Amino acid sequence: MNKRALIKEILARLEDELALYHRAALTARADATDEQSKAENKYDTRGLEASYLARGQSRQAAETERTLELFEKLTVRAFEAGEAIDLGALVELETKGTRTFYFLGPGAGGTEIVHGKQEVLVITPSSPLGRQIVGRKQGERLRLTLGGVPQDYRVVSVG
């Protein structure tokens, strides 16, 4: 699997999300300051709610911008045989005959990318799965607890 192309796809997804958050923040900000949002009585909180929404959307946009910067600075490298899983690794795990791919990134955890015909889930080192696999090596067998359910896995590859 081409990691450079995968990262480009992640960056494209993040840029799309950023544009969406900017549009949403602008819309919420316009709603908050619109004449129609002016409180008609002390219980009318439409304007206040819209301002909270605008603030939240702006925070999401700022977080996405930071994540974009981290991915742009991420060094793409090949992991050698026997090298431990670390940031930037593309990891293939197998359990009960099913293989799954994970990319250990600096952010955007939970982002799913379909690369070629293969689904890849972005995880971070601080995520529950990330904490359990960082430092592991190709060929290792491990017992991971995902969603509260322990299962046996094998690290098929670290790329």
N, C-alpha and C. Protein backbone atom coordinates (compact mmCIF):
# COMPACT_ATOMS: atom_id res chain seq x y z
N MET A 1 0.85 -1.18 0.00
CA MET A 1 0.00 0.00 0.00
C MET A 1 0.90 1.24 0.00
N ASN A 2 0.58 2.20 -0.85
CA ASN A 2 1.37 3.41 -0.99
C ASN A 2 1.00 4.41 0.12
N LYS A 3 1.91 4.58 1.09
CA LYS A 3 1.64 5.45 2.23
C LYS A 3 1.54 6.92 1.84
N ARG A 4 2.35 7.35 0.89
CA ARG A 4 2.29 8.75 0.45
C ARG A 4 0.90 9.07 -0.12
N ALA A 5 0.38 8.18 -0.94
CA ALA A 5 -0.95 8.37 -1.51
C ALA A 5 -2.01 8.33 -0.41
N LEU A 6 -1.84 7.46 0.56
CA LEU A 6 -2.78 7.37 1.68
C LEU A 6 -2.80 8.68 2.45
N ILE A 7 -1.64 9.24 2.73
CA ILE A 7 -1.57 10.51 3.46
C ILE A 7 -2.19 11.63 2.65
N LYS A 8 -2.00 11.62 1.34
CA LYS A 8 -2.65 12.62 0.48
C LYS A 8 -4.17 12.52 0.58
N GLU A 9 -4.68 11.31 0.65
CA GLU A 9 -6.12 11.12 0.81
C GLU A 9 -6.60 11.62 2.17
N ILE A 10 -5.81 11.38 3.20
CA ILE A 10 -6.16 11.89 4.54
C ILE A 10 -6.16 13.41 4.52
N LEU A 11 -5.14 14.01 3.91
CA LEU A 11 -5.07 15.47 3.82
C LEU A 11 -6.27 16.04 3.06
N ALA A 12 -6.65 15.39 1.97
CA ALA A 12 -7.81 15.85 1.20
C ALA A 12 -9.07 15.79 2.04
N ARG A 13 -9.23 14.72 2.81
CA ARG A 13 -10.40 14.59 3.68
C ARG A 13 -10.40 15.69 4.73
N LEU A 14 -9.23 15.97 5.33
CA LEU A 14 -9.13 17.02 6.33
C LEU A 14 -9.43 18.40 5.74
N GLU A 15 -8.96 18.64 4.53
CA GLU A 15 -9.25 19.92 3.87
C GLU A 15 -10.74 20.08 3.61
N ASP A 16 -11.40 18.99 3.21
CA ASP A 16 -12.85 19.04 3.01
C ASP A 16 -13.57 19.34 4.33
N GLU A 17 -13.14 18.68 5.41
CA GLU A 17 -13.73 18.93 6.72
C GLU A 17 -13.52 20.37 7.16
N LEU A 18 -12.32 20.88 6.91
CA LEU A 18 -12.01 22.26 7.29
C LEU A 18 -12.93 23.24 6.57
N ALA A 19 -13.13 23.04 5.27
CA ALA A 19 -14.02 23.91 4.50
C ALA A 19 -15.44 23.84 5.06
N LEU A 20 -15.87 22.64 5.41
CA LEU A 20 -17.20 22.44 5.97
C LEU A 20 -17.34 23.18 7.31
N TYR A 21 -16.34 23.06 8.19
CA TYR A 21 -16.39 23.74 9.49
C TYR A 21 -16.39 25.25 9.32
N HIS A 22 -15.61 25.77 8.36
CA HIS A 22 -15.60 27.21 8.12
C HIS A 22 -16.97 27.70 7.66
N ARG A 23 -17.57 26.96 6.72
CA ARG A 23 -18.91 27.35 6.24
C ARG A 23 -19.93 27.29 7.38
N ALA A 24 -19.86 26.23 8.17
CA ALA A 24 -20.80 26.07 9.28
C ALA A 24 -20.62 27.18 10.31
N ALA A 25 -19.38 27.54 10.61
CA ALA A 25 -19.12 28.61 11.58
C ALA A 25 -19.64 29.94 11.06
N LEU A 26 -19.43 30.21 9.79
CA LEU A 26 -19.92 31.46 9.21
C LEU A 26 -21.45 31.52 9.24
N THR A 27 -22.08 30.40 8.92
CA THR A 27 -23.54 30.36 8.95
C THR A 27 -24.06 30.55 10.37
N ALA A 28 -23.45 29.87 11.34
CA ALA A 28 -23.89 30.00 12.73
C ALA A 28 -23.63 31.42 13.25
N ARG A 29 -22.51 32.00 12.85
CA ARG A 29 -22.20 33.37 13.27
C ARG A 29 -23.22 34.35 12.68
N ALA A 30 -23.58 34.14 11.42
CA ALA A 30 -24.59 35.01 10.79
C ALA A 30 -25.94 34.84 11.49
N ASP A 31 -26.28 33.62 11.84
CA ASP A 31 -27.53 33.37 12.57
C ASP A 31 -27.52 34.06 13.93
N ALA A 32 -26.37 34.02 14.61
CA ALA A 32 -26.28 34.60 15.95
C ALA A 32 -26.45 36.11 15.92
N THR A 33 -26.02 36.74 14.85
CA THR A 33 -26.08 38.20 14.78
C THR A 33 -27.26 38.71 13.95
N ASP A 34 -28.06 37.80 13.44
CA ASP A 34 -29.21 38.19 12.62
C ASP A 34 -30.28 38.86 13.48
N GLU A 35 -30.98 39.79 12.90
CA GLU A 35 -32.07 40.50 13.60
C GLU A 35 -33.13 39.52 14.11
N GLN A 36 -33.35 38.43 13.36
CA GLN A 36 -34.35 37.44 13.75
C GLN A 36 -33.97 36.68 15.03
N SER A 37 -32.66 36.70 15.36
CA SER A 37 -32.19 35.97 16.54
C SER A 37 -32.24 36.82 17.81
N LYS A 38 -32.64 38.05 17.67
CA LYS A 38 -32.73 38.93 18.84
C LYS A 38 -33.79 38.38 19.80
N ALA A 39 -33.42 38.31 21.07
CA ALA A 39 -34.31 37.74 22.08
C ALA A 39 -35.60 38.56 22.18
N GLU A 40 -36.72 37.84 22.16
CA GLU A 40 -38.01 38.50 22.29
C GLU A 40 -38.45 38.59 23.75
N ASN A 41 -37.88 37.72 24.58
CA ASN A 41 -38.13 37.77 26.02
C ASN A 41 -36.95 37.11 26.73
N LYS A 42 -36.96 37.07 28.04
CA LYS A 42 -35.80 36.56 28.77
C LYS A 42 -35.59 35.05 28.58
N TYR A 43 -36.56 34.34 28.08
CA TYR A 43 -36.43 32.90 27.87
C TYR A 43 -36.01 32.54 26.44
N ASP A 44 -35.95 33.50 25.58
CA ASP A 44 -35.59 33.28 24.18
C ASP A 44 -34.07 33.27 24.06
N THR A 45 -33.51 32.10 23.77
CA THR A 45 -32.04 31.95 23.73
C THR A 45 -31.51 31.59 22.35
N ARG A 46 -32.29 31.84 21.30
CA ARG A 46 -31.85 31.47 19.94
C ARG A 46 -30.51 32.09 19.58
N GLY A 47 -30.35 33.38 19.83
CA GLY A 47 -29.10 34.06 19.50
C GLY A 47 -27.93 33.51 20.29
N LEU A 48 -28.14 33.25 21.57
CA LEU A 48 -27.09 32.70 22.43
C LEU A 48 -26.69 31.31 21.96
N GLU A 49 -27.67 30.49 21.64
CA GLU A 49 -27.38 29.14 21.16
C GLU A 49 -26.61 29.18 19.84
N ALA A 50 -26.99 30.07 18.96
CA ALA A 50 -26.29 30.19 17.68
C ALA A 50 -24.85 30.65 17.90
N SER A 51 -24.63 31.53 18.88
CA SER A 51 -23.25 31.98 19.14
C SER A 51 -22.41 30.83 19.73
N TYR A 52 -23.00 30.00 20.58
CA TYR A 52 -22.29 28.83 21.10
C TYR A 52 -21.92 27.87 19.96
N LEU A 53 -22.87 27.68 19.05
CA LEU A 53 -22.63 26.80 17.91
C LEU A 53 -21.50 27.36 17.03
N ALA A 54 -21.52 28.66 16.79
CA ALA A 54 -20.47 29.28 15.98
C ALA A 54 -19.11 29.11 16.64
N ARG A 55 -19.05 29.28 17.94
CA ARG A 55 -17.80 29.12 18.68
C ARG A 55 -17.30 27.68 18.58
N GLY A 56 -18.20 26.72 18.72
CA GLY A 56 -17.82 25.31 18.62
C GLY A 56 -17.32 24.95 17.23
N GLN A 57 -17.99 25.46 16.21
CA GLN A 57 -17.56 25.20 14.84
C GLN A 57 -16.19 25.82 14.58
N SER A 58 -15.95 26.99 15.12
CA SER A 58 -14.65 27.65 14.96
C SER A 58 -13.55 26.85 15.64
N ARG A 59 -13.85 26.30 16.80
CA ARG A 59 -12.86 25.45 17.50
C ARG A 59 -12.55 24.20 16.69
N GLN A 60 -13.58 23.59 16.11
CA GLN A 60 -13.36 22.41 15.28
C GLN A 60 -12.49 22.75 14.07
N ALA A 61 -12.74 23.91 13.48
CA ALA A 61 -11.94 24.35 12.33
C ALA A 61 -10.48 24.53 12.75
N ALA A 62 -10.26 25.15 13.90
CA ALA A 62 -8.88 25.37 14.38
C ALA A 62 -8.18 24.05 14.66
N GLU A 63 -8.89 23.10 15.24
CA GLU A 63 -8.31 21.78 15.52
C GLU A 63 -7.97 21.05 14.22
N THR A 64 -8.84 21.15 13.25
CA THR A 64 -8.60 20.52 11.96
C THR A 64 -7.39 21.16 11.27
N GLU A 65 -7.26 22.49 11.38
CA GLU A 65 -6.08 23.17 10.82
C GLU A 65 -4.79 22.66 11.46
N ARG A 66 -4.80 22.50 12.78
CA ARG A 66 -3.62 21.97 13.49
C ARG A 66 -3.30 20.55 13.02
N THR A 67 -4.33 19.73 12.87
CA THR A 67 -4.12 18.36 12.41
C THR A 67 -3.57 18.33 10.99
N LEU A 68 -4.08 19.20 10.13
CA LEU A 68 -3.55 19.30 8.77
C LEU A 68 -2.06 19.62 8.79
N GLU A 69 -1.67 20.57 9.62
CA GLU A 69 -0.25 20.95 9.73
C GLU A 69 0.59 19.77 10.20
N LEU A 70 0.08 19.01 11.17
CA LEU A 70 0.83 17.85 11.67
C LEU A 70 1.01 16.80 10.58
N PHE A 71 -0.03 16.54 9.81
CA PHE A 71 0.08 15.56 8.72
C PHE A 71 1.01 16.05 7.63
N GLU A 72 0.99 17.36 7.34
CA GLU A 72 1.89 17.90 6.31
C GLU A 72 3.36 17.79 6.73
N LYS A 73 3.62 17.85 8.04
CA LYS A 73 4.99 17.75 8.55
C LYS A 73 5.42 16.31 8.81
N LEU A 74 4.48 15.37 8.75
CA LEU A 74 4.77 13.97 9.05
C LEU A 74 5.75 13.39 8.04
N THR A 75 6.82 12.81 8.54
CA THR A 75 7.81 12.17 7.68
C THR A 75 7.30 10.80 7.27
N VAL A 76 7.20 10.60 5.97
CA VAL A 76 6.76 9.31 5.45
C VAL A 76 8.00 8.44 5.30
N ARG A 77 7.99 7.32 6.02
CA ARG A 77 9.14 6.43 5.94
C ARG A 77 8.67 4.99 5.96
N ALA A 78 9.50 4.14 5.43
CA ALA A 78 9.22 2.71 5.45
C ALA A 78 9.72 2.14 6.77
N PHE A 79 8.95 1.30 7.37
CA PHE A 79 9.38 0.63 8.59
C PHE A 79 10.09 -0.66 8.20
N GLU A 80 11.24 -0.86 8.75
CA GLU A 80 12.05 -2.05 8.45
C GLU A 80 11.47 -3.26 9.19
N ALA A 81 11.78 -4.45 8.69
CA ALA A 81 11.35 -5.68 9.35
C ALA A 81 11.85 -5.70 10.79
N GLY A 82 10.99 -5.99 11.70
CA GLY A 82 11.37 -6.06 13.12
C GLY A 82 11.30 -4.72 13.83
N GLU A 83 10.97 -3.65 13.10
CA GLU A 83 10.89 -2.33 13.73
C GLU A 83 9.54 -2.19 14.44
N ALA A 84 9.54 -1.53 15.58
CA ALA A 84 8.34 -1.38 16.39
C ALA A 84 7.36 -0.39 15.77
N ILE A 85 6.09 -0.61 16.02
CA ILE A 85 5.03 0.28 15.56
C ILE A 85 5.20 1.63 16.25
N ASP A 86 5.13 2.69 15.43
CA ASP A 86 5.28 4.06 15.93
C ASP A 86 4.51 4.99 15.00
N LEU A 87 4.54 6.27 15.30
CA LEU A 87 3.85 7.27 14.50
C LEU A 87 4.25 7.14 13.03
N GLY A 88 3.26 7.15 12.14
CA GLY A 88 3.52 7.04 10.71
C GLY A 88 3.46 5.62 10.19
N ALA A 89 3.21 4.66 11.06
CA ALA A 89 3.17 3.26 10.64
C ALA A 89 1.80 2.90 10.07
N LEU A 90 1.84 2.09 9.04
CA LEU A 90 0.64 1.48 8.50
C LEU A 90 0.65 0.04 9.02
N VAL A 91 -0.34 -0.28 9.82
CA VAL A 91 -0.35 -1.55 10.54
C VAL A 91 -1.49 -2.43 10.05
N GLU A 92 -1.16 -3.68 9.80
CA GLU A 92 -2.17 -4.66 9.40
C GLU A 92 -2.31 -5.67 10.54
N LEU A 93 -3.52 -5.77 11.07
CA LEU A 93 -3.80 -6.72 12.15
C LEU A 93 -4.74 -7.79 11.64
N GLU A 94 -4.62 -8.98 12.22
CA GLU A 94 -5.50 -10.08 11.84
C GLU A 94 -6.09 -10.71 13.08
N THR A 95 -7.38 -10.99 13.02
CA THR A 95 -8.06 -11.74 14.06
C THR A 95 -9.12 -12.61 13.40
N LYS A 96 -9.12 -13.88 13.75
CA LYS A 96 -10.11 -14.84 13.22
C LYS A 96 -10.21 -14.78 11.70
N GLY A 97 -9.08 -14.64 11.04
CA GLY A 97 -9.05 -14.63 9.58
C GLY A 97 -9.40 -13.31 8.93
N THR A 98 -9.74 -12.31 9.71
CA THR A 98 -10.09 -10.99 9.18
C THR A 98 -8.93 -10.04 9.38
N ARG A 99 -8.55 -9.37 8.30
CA ARG A 99 -7.44 -8.41 8.37
C ARG A 99 -7.98 -6.99 8.31
N THR A 100 -7.40 -6.13 9.14
CA THR A 100 -7.77 -4.72 9.17
C THR A 100 -6.51 -3.87 9.12
N PHE A 101 -6.64 -2.69 8.51
CA PHE A 101 -5.51 -1.78 8.37
C PHE A 101 -5.75 -0.53 9.19
N TYR A 102 -4.67 -0.09 9.84
CA TYR A 102 -4.70 1.13 10.65
C TYR A 102 -3.49 1.98 10.29
N PHE A 103 -3.70 3.28 10.24
CA PHE A 103 -2.59 4.20 10.05
C PHE A 103 -2.44 4.98 11.33
N LEU A 104 -1.25 4.93 11.93
CA LEU A 104 -0.99 5.62 13.19
C LEU A 104 -0.55 7.05 12.88
N GLY A 105 -1.50 7.98 12.99
CA GLY A 105 -1.25 9.37 12.62
C GLY A 105 -1.18 10.29 13.83
N PRO A 106 -0.79 11.55 13.58
CA PRO A 106 -0.67 12.53 14.66
C PRO A 106 -2.00 13.15 15.07
N GLY A 107 -3.07 12.81 14.37
CA GLY A 107 -4.40 13.34 14.66
C GLY A 107 -5.40 12.70 13.74
N ALA A 108 -6.62 13.24 13.72
CA ALA A 108 -7.69 12.76 12.85
C ALA A 108 -8.10 11.33 13.17
N GLY A 109 -7.95 10.94 14.43
CA GLY A 109 -8.35 9.60 14.83
C GLY A 109 -9.81 9.35 14.51
N GLY A 110 -10.09 8.17 13.99
CA GLY A 110 -11.45 7.80 13.63
C GLY A 110 -11.78 8.05 12.17
N THR A 111 -10.88 8.73 11.46
CA THR A 111 -11.10 8.99 10.04
C THR A 111 -10.91 7.70 9.26
N GLU A 112 -11.89 7.37 8.45
CA GLU A 112 -11.81 6.17 7.62
C GLU A 112 -11.55 6.58 6.18
N ILE A 113 -10.55 5.96 5.58
CA ILE A 113 -10.17 6.22 4.20
C ILE A 113 -10.25 4.91 3.44
N VAL A 114 -10.82 4.95 2.27
CA VAL A 114 -10.78 3.79 1.39
C VAL A 114 -9.66 4.06 0.39
N HIS A 115 -8.58 3.30 0.54
CA HIS A 115 -7.39 3.48 -0.29
C HIS A 115 -7.30 2.28 -1.22
N GLY A 116 -7.47 2.55 -2.50
CA GLY A 116 -7.60 1.43 -3.43
C GLY A 116 -8.93 0.77 -3.11
N LYS A 117 -8.91 -0.47 -2.75
CA LYS A 117 -10.13 -1.15 -2.33
C LYS A 117 -10.09 -1.49 -0.85
N GLN A 118 -9.03 -1.00 -0.17
CA GLN A 118 -8.83 -1.35 1.23
C GLN A 118 -9.23 -0.20 2.15
N GLU A 119 -10.02 -0.51 3.18
CA GLU A 119 -10.39 0.49 4.17
C GLU A 119 -9.27 0.61 5.19
N VAL A 120 -8.90 1.86 5.50
CA VAL A 120 -7.85 2.13 6.48
C VAL A 120 -8.43 3.09 7.51
N LEU A 121 -8.27 2.77 8.78
CA LEU A 121 -8.74 3.62 9.87
C LEU A 121 -7.55 4.35 10.47
N VAL A 122 -7.67 5.67 10.57
CA VAL A 122 -6.62 6.46 11.21
C VAL A 122 -6.82 6.39 12.72
N ILE A 123 -5.75 6.05 13.42
CA ILE A 123 -5.77 6.05 14.88
C ILE A 123 -4.59 6.90 15.36
N THR A 124 -4.62 7.30 16.60
CA THR A 124 -3.53 8.08 17.18
C THR A 124 -2.85 7.27 18.27
N PRO A 125 -1.61 7.63 18.62
CA PRO A 125 -0.92 6.90 19.69
C PRO A 125 -1.63 6.99 21.04
N SER A 126 -2.46 8.02 21.23
CA SER A 126 -3.14 8.18 22.51
C SER A 126 -4.52 7.51 22.54
N SER A 127 -4.95 6.96 21.41
CA SER A 127 -6.24 6.26 21.38
C SER A 127 -6.10 4.92 22.11
N PRO A 128 -7.21 4.32 22.52
CA PRO A 128 -7.12 3.02 23.20
C PRO A 128 -6.37 1.97 22.38
N LEU A 129 -6.68 1.87 21.08
CA LEU A 129 -5.98 0.90 20.24
C LEU A 129 -4.53 1.31 20.04
N GLY A 130 -4.31 2.59 19.79
CA GLY A 130 -2.93 3.09 19.60
C GLY A 130 -2.04 2.77 20.78
N ARG A 131 -2.55 3.00 21.99
CA ARG A 131 -1.75 2.72 23.20
C ARG A 131 -1.40 1.24 23.29
N GLN A 132 -2.29 0.37 22.81
CA GLN A 132 -2.06 -1.06 22.92
C GLN A 132 -1.10 -1.61 21.86
N ILE A 133 -0.98 -0.92 20.71
CA ILE A 133 -0.12 -1.48 19.66
C ILE A 133 1.21 -0.77 19.48
N VAL A 134 1.35 0.46 19.99
CA VAL A 134 2.64 1.16 19.85
C VAL A 134 3.72 0.31 20.53
N GLY A 135 4.82 0.12 19.83
CA GLY A 135 5.92 -0.67 20.37
C GLY A 135 5.87 -2.14 19.98
N ARG A 136 4.75 -2.58 19.44
CA ARG A 136 4.64 -3.97 19.00
C ARG A 136 5.34 -4.14 17.66
N LYS A 137 5.63 -5.40 17.30
CA LYS A 137 6.37 -5.67 16.06
C LYS A 137 5.63 -6.68 15.21
N GLN A 138 6.00 -6.70 13.92
CA GLN A 138 5.43 -7.65 12.98
C GLN A 138 5.60 -9.06 13.51
N GLY A 139 4.53 -9.86 13.39
CA GLY A 139 4.57 -11.25 13.84
C GLY A 139 4.12 -11.44 15.27
N GLU A 140 4.09 -10.39 16.06
CA GLU A 140 3.67 -10.51 17.46
C GLU A 140 2.20 -10.87 17.55
N ARG A 141 1.91 -11.68 18.55
CA ARG A 141 0.52 -12.00 18.87
C ARG A 141 0.20 -11.22 20.13
N LEU A 142 -0.99 -10.66 20.16
CA LEU A 142 -1.37 -9.87 21.31
C LEU A 142 -2.87 -9.98 21.56
N ARG A 143 -3.23 -9.68 22.76
CA ARG A 143 -4.64 -9.69 23.15
C ARG A 143 -5.05 -8.23 23.33
N LEU A 144 -5.93 -7.77 22.43
CA LEU A 144 -6.40 -6.40 22.46
C LEU A 144 -7.83 -6.34 22.96
N THR A 145 -8.12 -5.32 23.71
CA THR A 145 -9.48 -5.10 24.16
C THR A 145 -10.03 -3.91 23.40
N LEU A 146 -10.99 -4.18 22.53
CA LEU A 146 -11.62 -3.14 21.73
C LEU A 146 -13.11 -3.16 22.02
N GLY A 147 -13.64 -2.02 22.41
CA GLY A 147 -15.06 -1.97 22.75
C GLY A 147 -15.40 -2.84 23.94
N GLY A 148 -14.43 -3.03 24.83
CA GLY A 148 -14.65 -3.83 26.02
C GLY A 148 -14.56 -5.33 25.79
N VAL A 149 -14.27 -5.73 24.55
CA VAL A 149 -14.21 -7.16 24.21
C VAL A 149 -12.76 -7.54 23.91
N PRO A 150 -12.17 -8.42 24.73
CA PRO A 150 -10.80 -8.85 24.42
C PRO A 150 -10.77 -9.88 23.30
N GLN A 151 -9.82 -9.72 22.38
CA GLN A 151 -9.65 -10.66 21.28
C GLN A 151 -8.17 -10.83 21.00
N ASP A 152 -7.84 -11.99 20.44
CA ASP A 152 -6.45 -12.26 20.08
C ASP A 152 -6.20 -11.77 18.67
N TYR A 153 -5.07 -11.06 18.51
CA TYR A 153 -4.68 -10.50 17.21
C TYR A 153 -3.25 -10.91 16.89
N ARG A 154 -2.92 -10.78 15.62
CA ARG A 154 -1.55 -10.96 15.17
C ARG A 154 -1.20 -9.74 14.31
N VAL A 155 -0.01 -9.19 14.55
CA VAL A 155 0.47 -8.09 13.73
C VAL A 155 1.02 -8.69 12.44
N VAL A 156 0.29 -8.53 11.35
CA VAL A 156 0.67 -9.11 10.07
C VAL A 156 1.79 -8.32 9.44
N SER A 157 1.65 -6.99 9.46
CA SER A 157 2.70 -6.16 8.85
C SER A 157 2.73 -4.77 9.49
N VAL A 158 3.93 -4.18 9.44
CA VAL A 158 4.15 -2.81 9.89
C VAL A 158 4.88 -2.12 8.75
N GLY A 159 4.22 -1.20 8.09
CA GLY A 159 4.84 -0.55 6.93
C GLY A 159 4.94 0.93 7.06
